[in-house]
Amino acid sequence: MADDAENTYNTRPPFNQKFKPTAVKVLIGAVMSERLADKAYSSEAAAQWSREISDEIKTRCADPHHPASRAAAADASPWQARHNPSCPAASGTLPPRCTSRALTRACARPALRGRIKSEFDLPRYKLVVQVLIGEQRGEGIRYGGRCLWDPNTDAYAEDTYRNDSLFCVASAYGVYLY
């Protein structure tokens, strides 16, 4: 009988392995912008687009070394042309622990893309992604969801995308597996 045996089960994720809603929201926005930028609404194609967007969000969240995430992080040239080159984020990467208040969300968003993927380490999370695409007609829509979860370990992120002919709402739920 060994008295020095320790429990090996985890009831909470370590802080560095928690679901990061802010980072996932940026990722969701990037995926929707990439996939829907030149699209016009089509009811036949919307189902396929929803599946593709959902699968890509899950893949990029689950695999920090996915080639699509590296390509998105490397393609910052259109962003750099629009922003001030003296901005700390203009090089495409932010220094660790950057606390500059001068960085706005729009300025920092592309620069964060590369860092977000390296921060995702979610080995014990179940990722559920829901994507809704609809036609833009100037009408209102209400979108809601309910979940039963542990607020200490589980979280969600969502973002919206709009163009002249369609809107898209994507939600990603990270549920910790005990």
Protein backbone atom coordinates (compact mmCIF):
# COMPACT_ATOMS: atom_id res chain seq x y z
CA MET A 1 0.00 0.00 0.00
CA ALA A 2 1.50 3.31 -1.10
CA ASP A 3 0.75 6.29 1.12
CA ASP A 4 2.30 8.78 -1.29
CA ALA A 5 -0.14 8.10 -4.16
CA GLU A 6 -1.87 11.20 -5.48
CA ASN A 7 -5.19 11.65 -7.16
CA THR A 8 -4.84 11.95 -10.92
CA TYR A 9 -8.30 13.18 -11.85
CA ASN A 10 -8.86 16.83 -12.74
CA THR A 11 -11.98 18.65 -11.66
CA ARG A 12 -10.90 22.05 -12.99
CA PRO A 13 -8.70 23.05 -15.91
CA PRO A 14 -5.43 24.86 -15.23
CA PHE A 15 -5.69 28.58 -15.85
CA ASN A 16 -3.67 28.41 -19.08
CA GLN A 17 -6.02 25.73 -20.47
CA LYS A 18 -9.32 27.51 -19.86
CA PHE A 19 -11.61 28.41 -22.74
CA LYS A 20 -10.77 31.98 -23.76
CA PRO A 21 -13.96 33.67 -25.04
CA THR A 22 -12.24 36.88 -26.16
CA ALA A 23 -9.67 35.04 -28.26
CA VAL A 24 -12.29 32.70 -29.71
CA LYS A 25 -14.48 35.67 -30.64
CA VAL A 26 -11.62 37.15 -32.67
CA LEU A 27 -11.10 33.78 -34.35
CA ILE A 28 -14.81 33.46 -35.18
CA GLY A 29 -14.83 36.94 -36.71
CA ALA A 30 -11.76 36.14 -38.80
CA VAL A 31 -13.24 32.89 -40.12
CA MET A 32 -16.57 34.51 -41.02
CA SER A 33 -14.84 37.43 -42.75
CA GLU A 34 -12.64 35.09 -44.78
CA ARG A 35 -15.48 32.78 -45.79
CA LEU A 36 -18.28 35.27 -46.43
CA ALA A 37 -16.56 38.41 -47.71
CA ASP A 38 -17.51 37.95 -51.38
CA LYS A 39 -20.69 35.90 -50.94
CA ALA A 40 -24.26 36.83 -51.80
CA TYR A 41 -27.07 35.05 -49.95
CA SER A 42 -28.26 31.80 -51.46
CA SER A 43 -30.62 29.56 -49.52
CA GLU A 44 -29.17 26.46 -51.21
CA ALA A 45 -25.57 27.35 -50.37
CA ALA A 46 -26.20 28.68 -46.84
CA ALA A 47 -26.37 25.20 -45.29
CA GLN A 48 -23.02 24.22 -46.80
CA TRP A 49 -21.43 27.52 -45.77
CA SER A 50 -22.69 27.00 -42.21
CA ARG A 51 -21.09 23.55 -42.04
CA GLU A 52 -17.81 24.81 -43.48
CA ILE A 53 -17.60 27.76 -41.10
CA SER A 54 -18.49 25.57 -38.12
CA ASP A 55 -15.90 22.94 -39.04
CA GLU A 56 -13.20 25.54 -39.58
CA ILE A 57 -13.86 27.21 -36.22
CA LYS A 58 -13.69 23.83 -34.46
CA THR A 59 -10.51 22.86 -36.32
CA ARG A 60 -8.74 26.12 -35.59
CA CYS A 61 -9.72 26.04 -31.91
CA ALA A 62 -8.70 22.42 -31.47
CA ASP A 63 -5.44 22.47 -33.42
CA PRO A 64 -3.06 25.35 -32.66
CA HIS A 65 -0.80 24.30 -35.55
CA HIS A 66 -3.51 24.18 -38.24
CA PRO A 67 -2.09 25.55 -41.55
CA ALA A 68 -5.14 27.76 -42.14
CA SER A 69 -4.53 29.62 -38.88
CA ARG A 70 -0.88 30.26 -39.78
CA ALA A 71 -1.86 31.51 -43.24
CA ALA A 72 -4.41 33.91 -41.74
CA ALA A 73 -1.84 35.23 -39.30
CA ALA A 74 0.77 35.68 -42.03
CA ASP A 75 -1.57 37.55 -44.38
CA ALA A 76 -1.55 40.93 -42.66
CA SER A 77 -0.45 43.08 -45.61
CA PRO A 78 -3.90 44.65 -46.36
CA TRP A 79 -4.23 45.44 -42.67
CA GLN A 80 -0.77 46.96 -42.42
CA ALA A 81 -1.43 49.28 -45.36
CA ARG A 82 -4.43 50.83 -43.55
CA HIS A 83 -2.84 51.36 -40.14
CA ASN A 84 -0.14 53.52 -38.67
CA PRO A 85 3.27 51.81 -39.05
CA SER A 86 4.39 53.22 -35.69
CA CYS A 87 1.68 51.17 -33.96
CA PRO A 88 3.21 48.33 -31.86
CA ALA A 89 0.96 45.88 -33.68
CA ALA A 90 2.05 46.97 -37.18
CA SER A 91 4.67 44.23 -37.36
CA GLY A 92 1.89 41.62 -37.23
CA THR A 93 2.70 40.50 -33.69
CA LEU A 94 2.16 42.07 -30.32
CA PRO A 95 4.81 42.03 -27.62
CA PRO A 96 3.96 39.70 -24.73
CA ARG A 97 1.80 41.31 -22.09
CA CYS A 98 1.13 44.35 -24.27
CA THR A 99 -0.83 46.86 -22.19
CA SER A 100 -0.81 49.79 -24.59
CA ARG A 101 -4.16 51.57 -24.43
CA ALA A 102 -3.42 53.04 -27.86
CA LEU A 103 -4.21 49.68 -29.46
CA THR A 104 -7.83 49.60 -30.45
CA ARG A 105 -9.75 46.42 -31.12
CA ALA A 106 -9.63 47.04 -34.88
CA CYS A 107 -5.91 47.73 -34.77
CA ALA A 108 -4.96 44.75 -32.62
CA ARG A 109 -7.34 42.17 -34.13
CA PRO A 110 -5.18 40.93 -37.05
CA ALA A 111 -2.04 41.03 -34.95
CA LEU A 112 -3.65 38.86 -32.31
CA ARG A 113 -4.63 36.15 -34.79
CA GLY A 114 -1.24 34.44 -34.72
CA ARG A 115 -0.95 34.65 -30.95
CA ILE A 116 -4.45 33.32 -30.37
CA LYS A 117 -3.69 30.01 -32.01
CA SER A 118 -0.61 29.51 -29.89
CA GLU A 119 -2.68 30.25 -26.78
CA PHE A 120 -5.38 27.66 -27.52
CA ASP A 121 -4.65 24.57 -25.51
CA LEU A 122 -8.01 22.94 -24.83
CA PRO A 123 -7.36 19.21 -24.46
CA ARG A 124 -10.35 18.45 -22.22
CA TYR A 125 -12.94 20.74 -23.75
CA LYS A 126 -15.84 19.72 -25.92
CA LEU A 127 -16.29 22.42 -28.56
CA VAL A 128 -19.81 22.96 -29.87
CA VAL A 129 -20.15 25.46 -32.71
CA GLN A 130 -23.46 26.72 -34.05
CA VAL A 131 -23.66 28.90 -37.17
CA LEU A 132 -26.75 30.69 -38.46
CA ILE A 133 -26.81 32.33 -41.91
CA GLY A 134 -29.82 34.32 -43.09
CA GLU A 135 -30.83 36.76 -45.76
CA GLN A 136 -30.37 40.46 -45.02
CA ARG A 137 -33.74 42.12 -45.62
CA GLY A 138 -33.63 44.90 -43.06
CA GLU A 139 -35.76 42.93 -40.61
CA GLY A 140 -34.90 42.14 -37.02
CA ILE A 141 -34.08 38.70 -35.68
CA ARG A 142 -33.75 37.31 -32.18
CA TYR A 143 -31.28 34.56 -31.53
CA GLY A 144 -31.01 32.79 -28.20
CA GLY A 145 -29.43 29.77 -26.65
CA ARG A 146 -29.56 27.93 -23.35
CA CYS A 147 -26.98 25.69 -21.79
CA LEU A 148 -26.56 23.83 -18.55
CA TRP A 149 -22.97 24.14 -17.46
CA ASP A 150 -20.45 25.00 -14.79
CA PRO A 151 -19.74 28.75 -14.91
CA ASN A 152 -16.28 28.21 -13.39
CA THR A 153 -15.00 26.10 -16.30
CA ASP A 154 -17.36 26.52 -19.26
CA ALA A 155 -17.81 29.56 -21.48
CA TYR A 156 -18.94 30.69 -24.90
CA ALA A 157 -18.02 33.21 -27.56
CA GLU A 158 -20.08 34.60 -30.40
CA ASP A 159 -19.67 37.08 -33.19
CA THR A 160 -21.74 38.40 -36.07
CA TYR A 161 -20.97 39.23 -39.67
CA ARG A 162 -23.05 41.28 -42.11
CA ASN A 163 -22.80 42.28 -45.73
CA ASP A 164 -25.37 43.67 -48.17
CA SER A 165 -27.16 40.38 -48.75
CA LEU A 166 -26.62 38.17 -45.69
CA PHE A 167 -25.94 38.02 -41.98
CA CYS A 168 -24.18 35.32 -40.02
CA VAL A 169 -24.12 34.60 -36.29
CA ALA A 170 -21.64 32.04 -34.98
CA SER A 171 -21.46 30.78 -31.40
CA ALA A 172 -18.76 28.53 -29.96
CA TYR A 173 -19.34 26.80 -26.64
CA GLY A 174 -16.44 25.36 -24.67
CA VAL A 175 -17.64 22.73 -22.16
CA TYR A 176 -15.06 21.16 -19.86
CA LEU A 177 -15.09 17.36 -19.70
CA TYR A 178 -14.75 16.15 -16.12
